[in-house]
PDB file of all heavy atoms in Angstrom:
ATOM      1  N   ARG A   1      96.747 128.935  83.250  1.00  0.00           N
ATOM      2  CA  ARG A   1      96.038 127.751  82.811  1.00  0.00           C
ATOM      3  C   ARG A   1      96.808 126.450  83.144  1.00  0.00           C
ATOM      4  O   ARG A   1      96.259 125.465  83.568  1.00  0.00           O
ATOM      5  CB  ARG A   1      95.771 127.845  81.296  1.00  0.00           C
ATOM      6  CG  ARG A   1      94.996 126.674  80.759  1.00  0.00           C
ATOM      7  CD  ARG A   1      93.558 126.601  81.295  1.00  0.00           C
ATOM      8  NE  ARG A   1      92.938 125.386  80.866  1.00  0.00           N
ATOM      9  CZ  ARG A   1      92.307 124.597  81.637  1.00  0.00           C
ATOM     10  NH1 ARG A   1      92.132 124.878  82.875  1.00  0.00           N
ATOM     11  NH2 ARG A   1      91.753 123.481  81.204  1.00  0.00           N
ATOM     12  N   THR A   2      98.153 126.546  83.002  1.00  0.00           N
ATOM     13  CA  THR A   2      98.942 125.359  83.359  1.00  0.00           C
ATOM     14  C   THR A   2      98.819 125.090  84.846  1.00  0.00           C
ATOM     15  O   THR A   2      98.632 123.884  85.300  1.00  0.00           O
ATOM     16  CB  THR A   2     100.411 125.630  83.004  1.00  0.00           C
ATOM     17  OG1 THR A   2     100.483 125.840  81.596  1.00  0.00           O
ATOM     18  CG2 THR A   2     101.309 124.468  83.378  1.00  0.00           C
ATOM     19  N   VAL A   3      98.855 126.090  85.679  1.00  0.00           N
ATOM     20  CA  VAL A   3      98.682 125.908  87.138  1.00  0.00           C
ATOM     21  C   VAL A   3      97.352 125.297  87.401  1.00  0.00           C
ATOM     22  O   VAL A   3      97.221 124.304  88.142  1.00  0.00           O
ATOM     23  CB  VAL A   3      98.813 127.264  87.865  1.00  0.00           C
ATOM     24  CG1 VAL A   3      98.429 127.176  89.354  1.00  0.00           C
ATOM     25  CG2 VAL A   3     100.205 127.777  87.725  1.00  0.00           C
ATOM     26  N   LEU A   4      96.279 125.812  86.837  1.00  0.00           N
ATOM     27  CA  LEU A   4      94.930 125.296  87.045  1.00  0.00           C
ATOM     28  C   LEU A   4      94.858 123.805  86.638  1.00  0.00           C
ATOM     29  O   LEU A   4      94.276 122.971  87.351  1.00  0.00           O
ATOM     30  CB  LEU A   4      93.884 126.081  86.336  1.00  0.00           C
ATOM     31  CG  LEU A   4      93.689 127.526  86.861  1.00  0.00           C
ATOM     32  CD1 LEU A   4      92.721 128.277  85.946  1.00  0.00           C
ATOM     33  CD2 LEU A   4      93.211 127.428  88.295  1.00  0.00           C
ATOM     34  N   ARG A   5      95.406 123.515  85.504  1.00  0.00           N
ATOM     35  CA  ARG A   5      95.351 122.135  85.005  1.00  0.00           C
ATOM     36  C   ARG A   5      96.137 121.141  85.836  1.00  0.00           C
ATOM     37  O   ARG A   5      95.707 120.070  86.075  1.00  0.00           O
ATOM     38  CB  ARG A   5      95.898 122.106  83.500  1.00  0.00           C
ATOM     39  CG  ARG A   5      95.591 120.822  82.816  1.00  0.00           C
ATOM     40  CD  ARG A   5      96.015 120.834  81.330  1.00  0.00           C
ATOM     41  NE  ARG A   5      97.373 121.295  81.154  1.00  0.00           N
ATOM     42  CZ  ARG A   5      97.745 122.413  80.528  1.00  0.00           C
ATOM     43  NH1 ARG A   5      96.908 123.280  80.096  1.00  0.00           N
ATOM     44  NH2 ARG A   5      99.035 122.722  80.459  1.00  0.00           N
ATOM     45  N   MET A   6      97.228 121.610  86.446  1.00  0.00           N
ATOM     46  CA  MET A   6      98.056 120.733  87.252  1.00  0.00           C
ATOM     47  C   MET A   6      97.577 120.534  88.660  1.00  0.00           C
ATOM     48  O   MET A   6      97.740 119.449  89.281  1.00  0.00           O
ATOM     49  CB  MET A   6      99.529 121.326  87.268  1.00  0.00           C
ATOM     50  CG  MET A   6     100.198 121.227  85.929  1.00  0.00           C
ATOM     51  SD  MET A   6     101.838 121.938  85.997  1.00  0.00           S
ATOM     52  CE  MET A   6     102.690 120.691  86.910  1.00  0.00           C
ATOM     53  N   ILE A   7      96.943 121.507  89.230  1.00  0.00           N
ATOM     54  CA  ILE A   7      96.597 121.357  90.660  1.00  0.00           C
ATOM     55  C   ILE A   7      95.091 121.337  90.970  1.00  0.00           C
ATOM     56  O   ILE A   7      94.733 121.158  92.097  1.00  0.00           O
ATOM     57  CB  ILE A   7      97.222 122.532  91.493  1.00  0.00           C
ATOM     58  CG1 ILE A   7      96.650 123.837  91.114  1.00  0.00           C
ATOM     59  CG2 ILE A   7      98.724 122.498  91.387  1.00  0.00           C
ATOM     60  CD1 ILE A   7      97.089 124.989  92.048  1.00  0.00           C
ATOM     61  N   ALA A   8      94.233 121.488  89.938  1.00  0.00           N
ATOM     62  CA  ALA A   8      92.825 121.455  90.179  1.00  0.00           C
ATOM     63  C   ALA A   8      92.402 120.056  90.593  1.00  0.00           C
ATOM     64  O   ALA A   8      92.905 119.051  90.129  1.00  0.00           O
ATOM     65  CB  ALA A   8      92.108 121.878  88.902  1.00  0.00           C
ATOM     66  N   GLU A   9      91.457 120.028  91.546  1.00  0.00           N
ATOM     67  CA  GLU A   9      90.910 118.716  91.948  1.00  0.00           C
ATOM     68  C   GLU A   9      90.011 118.168  90.838  1.00  0.00           C
ATOM     69  O   GLU A   9      89.429 118.951  90.068  1.00  0.00           O
ATOM     70  CB  GLU A   9      90.214 118.767  93.275  1.00  0.00           C
ATOM     71  CG  GLU A   9      88.975 119.616  93.302  1.00  0.00           C
ATOM     72  CD  GLU A   9      88.404 119.737  94.705  1.00  0.00           C
ATOM     73  OE1 GLU A   9      88.723 118.868  95.537  1.00  0.00           O
ATOM     74  OE2 GLU A   9      87.727 120.706  95.001  1.00  0.00           O
ATOM     75  N   GLU A  10      89.841 116.875  90.792  1.00  0.00           N
ATOM     76  CA  GLU A  10      89.016 116.277  89.763  1.00  0.00           C
ATOM     77  C   GLU A  10      87.524 116.708  89.996  1.00  0.00           C
ATOM     78  O   GLU A  10      87.146 116.822  91.183  1.00  0.00           O
ATOM     79  CB  GLU A  10      89.099 114.771  89.813  1.00  0.00           C
ATOM     80  CG  GLU A  10      90.467 114.252  89.420  1.00  0.00           C
ATOM     81  CD  GLU A  10      90.517 112.744  89.492  1.00  0.00           C
ATOM     82  OE1 GLU A  10      89.502 112.044  89.195  1.00  0.00           O
ATOM     83  OE2 GLU A  10      91.605 112.235  89.805  1.00  0.00           O
ATOM     84  N   ARG A  11      86.806 116.804  88.941  1.00  0.00           N
ATOM     85  CA  ARG A  11      85.437 117.270  89.038  1.00  0.00           C
ATOM     86  C   ARG A  11      84.580 116.347  89.913  1.00  0.00           C
ATOM     87  O   ARG A  11      83.778 116.801  90.716  1.00  0.00           O
ATOM     88  CB  ARG A  11      84.788 117.353  87.644  1.00  0.00           C
ATOM     89  CG  ARG A  11      83.389 117.901  87.569  1.00  0.00           C
ATOM     90  CD  ARG A  11      83.436 119.401  87.899  1.00  0.00           C
ATOM     91  NE  ARG A  11      82.079 119.864  87.910  1.00  0.00           N
ATOM     92  CZ  ARG A  11      81.794 121.089  88.174  1.00  0.00           C
ATOM     93  NH1 ARG A  11      82.740 121.961  88.448  1.00  0.00           N
ATOM     94  NH2 ARG A  11      80.528 121.516  88.194  1.00  0.00           N
ATOM     95  N   ALA A  12      84.801 115.082  89.755  1.00  0.00           N
ATOM     96  CA  ALA A  12      84.009 114.103  90.558  1.00  0.00           C
ATOM     97  C   ALA A  12      84.276 114.242  92.011  1.00  0.00           C
ATOM     98  O   ALA A  12      83.352 114.129  92.874  1.00  0.00           O
ATOM     99  CB  ALA A  12      84.361 112.663  90.131  1.00  0.00           C
ATOM    100  N   ILE A  13      85.547 114.541  92.408  1.00  0.00           N
ATOM    101  CA  ILE A  13      85.832 114.772  93.817  1.00  0.00           C
ATOM    102  C   ILE A  13      85.195 116.018  94.323  1.00  0.00           C
ATOM    103  O   ILE A  13      84.662 116.015  95.435  1.00  0.00           O
ATOM    104  CB  ILE A  13      87.399 114.780  94.007  1.00  0.00           C
ATOM    105  CG1 ILE A  13      87.961 113.417  93.678  1.00  0.00           C
ATOM    106  CG2 ILE A  13      87.764 115.242  95.400  1.00  0.00           C
ATOM    107  CD1 ILE A  13      89.529 113.406  93.634  1.00  0.00           C
ATOM    108  N   TYR A  14      85.255 117.092  93.497  1.00  0.00           N
ATOM    109  CA  TYR A  14      84.616 118.352  93.881  1.00  0.00           C
ATOM    110  C   TYR A  14      83.155 118.179  94.084  1.00  0.00           C
ATOM    111  O   TYR A  14      82.550 118.567  95.090  1.00  0.00           O
ATOM    112  CB  TYR A  14      84.883 119.410  92.826  1.00  0.00           C
ATOM    113  CG  TYR A  14      83.971 120.623  93.052  1.00  0.00           C
ATOM    114  CD1 TYR A  14      84.259 121.579  93.933  1.00  0.00           C
ATOM    115  CD2 TYR A  14      82.848 120.765  92.208  1.00  0.00           C
ATOM    116  CE1 TYR A  14      83.460 122.645  94.161  1.00  0.00           C
ATOM    117  CE2 TYR A  14      81.962 121.841  92.364  1.00  0.00           C
ATOM    118  CZ  TYR A  14      82.329 122.803  93.355  1.00  0.00           C
ATOM    119  OH  TYR A  14      81.464 123.869  93.574  1.00  0.00           O
ATOM    120  N   GLU A  15      82.473 117.458  93.122  1.00  0.00           N
ATOM    121  CA  GLU A  15      81.017 117.310  93.238  1.00  0.00           C
ATOM    122  C   GLU A  15      80.681 116.393  94.426  1.00  0.00           C
ATOM    123  O   GLU A  15      79.663 116.619  95.103  1.00  0.00           O
ATOM    124  CB  GLU A  15      80.478 116.658  91.946  1.00  0.00           C
ATOM    125  CG  GLU A  15      80.546 117.660  90.789  1.00  0.00           C
ATOM    126  CD  GLU A  15      80.122 116.983  89.424  1.00  0.00           C
ATOM    127  OE1 GLU A  15      80.087 115.784  89.390  1.00  0.00           O
ATOM    128  OE2 GLU A  15      79.895 117.808  88.522  1.00  0.00           O
ATOM    129  N   SER A  16      81.497 115.443  94.747  1.00  0.00           N
ATOM    130  CA  SER A  16      81.274 114.541  95.927  1.00  0.00           C
ATOM    131  C   SER A  16      81.371 115.387  97.162  1.00  0.00           C
ATOM    132  O   SER A  16      80.549 115.245  98.086  1.00  0.00           O
ATOM    133  CB  SER A  16      82.268 113.420  95.915  1.00  0.00           C
ATOM    134  OG  SER A  16      82.172 112.706  97.093  1.00  0.00           O
ATOM    135  N   ARG A  17      82.402 116.229  97.282  1.00  0.00           N
ATOM    136  CA  ARG A  17      82.555 117.104  98.467  1.00  0.00           C
ATOM    137  C   ARG A  17      81.386 118.040  98.588  1.00  0.00           C
ATOM    138  O   ARG A  17      80.900 118.329  99.675  1.00  0.00           O
ATOM    139  CB  ARG A  17      83.904 117.870  98.328  1.00  0.00           C
ATOM    140  CG  ARG A  17      84.298 118.585  99.552  1.00  0.00           C
ATOM    141  CD  ARG A  17      85.763 119.068  99.455  1.00  0.00           C
ATOM    142  NE  ARG A  17      86.153 119.683  98.187  1.00  0.00           N
ATOM    143  CZ  ARG A  17      85.902 120.969  97.899  1.00  0.00           C
ATOM    144  NH1 ARG A  17      85.341 121.744  98.779  1.00  0.00           N
ATOM    145  NH2 ARG A  17      86.301 121.430  96.776  1.00  0.00           N
ATOM    146  N   SER A  18      80.937 118.594  97.435  1.00  0.00           N
ATOM    147  CA  SER A  18      79.806 119.485  97.483  1.00  0.00           C
ATOM    148  C   SER A  18      78.527 118.806  97.931  1.00  0.00           C
ATOM    149  O   SER A  18      77.760 119.375  98.740  1.00  0.00           O
ATOM    150  CB  SER A  18      79.615 120.075  96.063  1.00  0.00           C
ATOM    151  OG  SER A  18      78.514 120.971  96.035  1.00  0.00           O
ATOM    152  N   ARG A  19      78.282 117.604  97.472  1.00  0.00           N
ATOM    153  CA  ARG A  19      77.099 116.845  97.878  1.00  0.00           C
ATOM    154  C   ARG A  19      77.175 116.541  99.340  1.00  0.00           C
ATOM    155  O   ARG A  19      76.153 116.638 100.089  1.00  0.00           O
ATOM    156  CB  ARG A  19      76.961 115.552  97.089  1.00  0.00           C
ATOM    157  CG  ARG A  19      76.270 115.658  95.791  1.00  0.00           C
ATOM    158  CD  ARG A  19      75.951 114.289  95.198  1.00  0.00           C
ATOM    159  NE  ARG A  19      77.123 113.460  95.014  1.00  0.00           N
ATOM    160  CZ  ARG A  19      77.925 113.560  93.927  1.00  0.00           C
ATOM    161  NH1 ARG A  19      77.685 114.397  92.988  1.00  0.00           N
ATOM    162  NH2 ARG A  19      78.984 112.760  93.794  1.00  0.00           N
ATOM    163  N   GLN A  20      78.362 116.134  99.855  1.00  0.00           N
ATOM    164  CA  GLN A  20      78.491 115.841 101.220  1.00  0.00           C
ATOM    165  C   GLN A  20      78.275 117.086 102.098  1.00  0.00           C
ATOM    166  O   GLN A  20      77.586 116.983 103.121  1.00  0.00           O
ATOM    167  CB  GLN A  20      79.959 115.334 101.494  1.00  0.00           C
ATOM    168  CG  GLN A  20      80.212 114.897 102.925  1.00  0.00           C
ATOM    169  CD  GLN A  20      81.599 114.406 103.160  1.00  0.00           C
ATOM    170  OE1 GLN A  20      82.477 114.579 102.311  1.00  0.00           O
ATOM    171  NE2 GLN A  20      81.834 113.819 104.297  1.00  0.00           N
ATOM    172  N   ARG A  21      78.748 118.235 101.681  1.00  0.00           N
ATOM    173  CA  ARG A  21      78.515 119.469 102.436  1.00  0.00           C
ATOM    174  C   ARG A  21      77.015 119.803 102.395  1.00  0.00           C
ATOM    175  O   ARG A  21      76.476 120.207 103.433  1.00  0.00           O
ATOM    176  CB  ARG A  21      79.304 120.608 101.824  1.00  0.00           C
ATOM    177  CG  ARG A  21      79.189 121.866 102.651  1.00  0.00           C
ATOM    178  CD  ARG A  21      80.124 122.987 102.197  1.00  0.00           C
ATOM    179  NE  ARG A  21      80.133 123.138 100.776  1.00  0.00           N
ATOM    180  CZ  ARG A  21      81.169 123.527 100.042  1.00  0.00           C
ATOM    181  NH1 ARG A  21      82.307 123.792 100.693  1.00  0.00           N
ATOM    182  NH2 ARG A  21      81.100 123.696  98.777  1.00  0.00           N
ATOM    183  N   ARG A  22      76.363 119.611 101.264  1.00  0.00           N
ATOM    184  CA  ARG A  22      74.901 119.862 101.242  1.00  0.00           C
ATOM    185  C   ARG A  22      74.161 118.935 102.166  1.00  0.00           C
ATOM    186  O   ARG A  22      73.245 119.354 102.914  1.00  0.00           O
ATOM    187  CB  ARG A  22      74.376 119.683  99.787  1.00  0.00           C
ATOM    188  CG  ARG A  22      72.849 120.038  99.734  1.00  0.00           C
ATOM    189  CD  ARG A  22      72.240 119.677  98.442  1.00  0.00           C
ATOM    190  NE  ARG A  22      72.153 118.209  98.375  1.00  0.00           N
ATOM    191  CZ  ARG A  22      71.746 117.576  97.260  1.00  0.00           C
ATOM    192  NH1 ARG A  22      71.474 118.181  96.191  1.00  0.00           N
ATOM    193  NH2 ARG A  22      71.730 116.253  97.283  1.00  0.00           N
ATOM    194  N   ASP A  23      74.595 117.653 102.227  1.00  0.00           N
ATOM    195  CA  ASP A  23      73.945 116.674 103.114  1.00  0.00           C
ATOM    196  C   ASP A  23      74.144 117.124 104.579  1.00  0.00           C
ATOM    197  O   ASP A  23      73.218 117.034 105.387  1.00  0.00           O
ATOM    198  CB  ASP A  23      74.420 115.318 102.867  1.00  0.00           C
ATOM    199  CG  ASP A  23      73.985 114.766 101.551  1.00  0.00           C
ATOM    200  OD1 ASP A  23      73.063 115.335 100.937  1.00  0.00           O
ATOM    201  OD2 ASP A  23      74.584 113.736 101.069  1.00  0.00           O
ATOM    202  N   GLU A  24      75.313 117.624 104.918  1.00  0.00           N
ATOM    203  CA  GLU A  24      75.620 118.088 106.254  1.00  0.00           C
ATOM    204  C   GLU A  24      74.725 119.310 106.598  1.00  0.00           C
ATOM    205  O   GLU A  24      74.141 119.425 107.682  1.00  0.00           O
ATOM    206  CB  GLU A  24      77.060 118.511 106.445  1.00  0.00           C
ATOM    207  CG  GLU A  24      78.043 117.392 106.481  1.00  0.00           C
ATOM    208  CD  GLU A  24      79.460 117.891 106.518  1.00  0.00           C
ATOM    209  OE1 GLU A  24      80.047 118.194 105.513  1.00  0.00           O
ATOM    210  OE2 GLU A  24      79.958 117.926 107.654  1.00  0.00           O
ATOM    211  N   ILE A  25      74.615 120.214 105.625  1.00  0.00           N
ATOM    212  CA  ILE A  25      73.764 121.409 105.802  1.00  0.00           C
ATOM    213  C   ILE A  25      72.283 121.003 106.028  1.00  0.00           C
ATOM    214  O   ILE A  25      71.647 121.447 107.004  1.00  0.00           O
ATOM    215  CB  ILE A  25      73.843 122.349 104.593  1.00  0.00           C
ATOM    216  CG1 ILE A  25      75.268 123.030 104.593  1.00  0.00           C
ATOM    217  CG2 ILE A  25      72.727 123.417 104.594  1.00  0.00           C
ATOM    218  CD1 ILE A  25      75.533 123.814 103.294  1.00  0.00           C
ATOM    219  N   VAL A  26      71.794 120.072 105.275  1.00  0.00           N
ATOM    220  CA  VAL A  26      70.435 119.599 105.383  1.00  0.00           C
ATOM    221  C   VAL A  26      70.241 118.947 106.802  1.00  0.00           C
ATOM    222  O   VAL A  26      69.243 119.189 107.485  1.00  0.00           O
ATOM    223  CB  VAL A  26      70.027 118.636 104.278  1.00  0.00           C
ATOM    224  CG1 VAL A  26      68.736 117.960 104.591  1.00  0.00           C
ATOM    225  CG2 VAL A  26      69.939 119.423 102.953  1.00  0.00           C
ATOM    226  N   GLU A  27      71.175 118.107 107.171  1.00  0.00           N
ATOM    227  CA  GLU A  27      71.036 117.430 108.435  1.00  0.00           C
ATOM    228  C   GLU A  27      71.063 118.414 109.636  1.00  0.00           C
ATOM    229  O   GLU A  27      70.252 118.311 110.560  1.00  0.00           O
ATOM    230  CB  GLU A  27      72.232 116.491 108.680  1.00  0.00           C
ATOM    231  CG  GLU A  27      72.202 115.697 109.951  1.00  0.00           C
ATOM    232  CD  GLU A  27      70.994 114.829 110.112  1.00  0.00           C
ATOM    233  OE1 GLU A  27      70.376 114.381 109.118  1.00  0.00           O
ATOM    234  OE2 GLU A  27      70.627 114.611 111.305  1.00  0.00           O
ATOM    235  N   LEU A  28      71.939 119.420 109.606  1.00  0.00           N
ATOM    236  CA  LEU A  28      71.903 120.431 110.655  1.00  0.00           C
ATOM    237  C   LEU A  28      70.643 121.205 110.638  1.00  0.00           C
ATOM    238  O   LEU A  28      70.074 121.581 111.717  1.00  0.00           O
ATOM    239  CB  LEU A  28      73.151 121.311 110.563  1.00  0.00           C
ATOM    240  CG  LEU A  28      74.508 120.628 110.824  1.00  0.00           C
ATOM    241  CD1 LEU A  28      75.639 121.564 110.459  1.00  0.00           C
ATOM    242  CD2 LEU A  28      74.595 120.220 112.230  1.00  0.00           C
TER     243      LEU A  28
END
């Protein structure tokens, strides 16, 4: 849990990356 807490990316960054990937998928 300490490892996860220290190195996990922020939720907003993860969601942004996920949206960007979805947009790329839709575009292709």
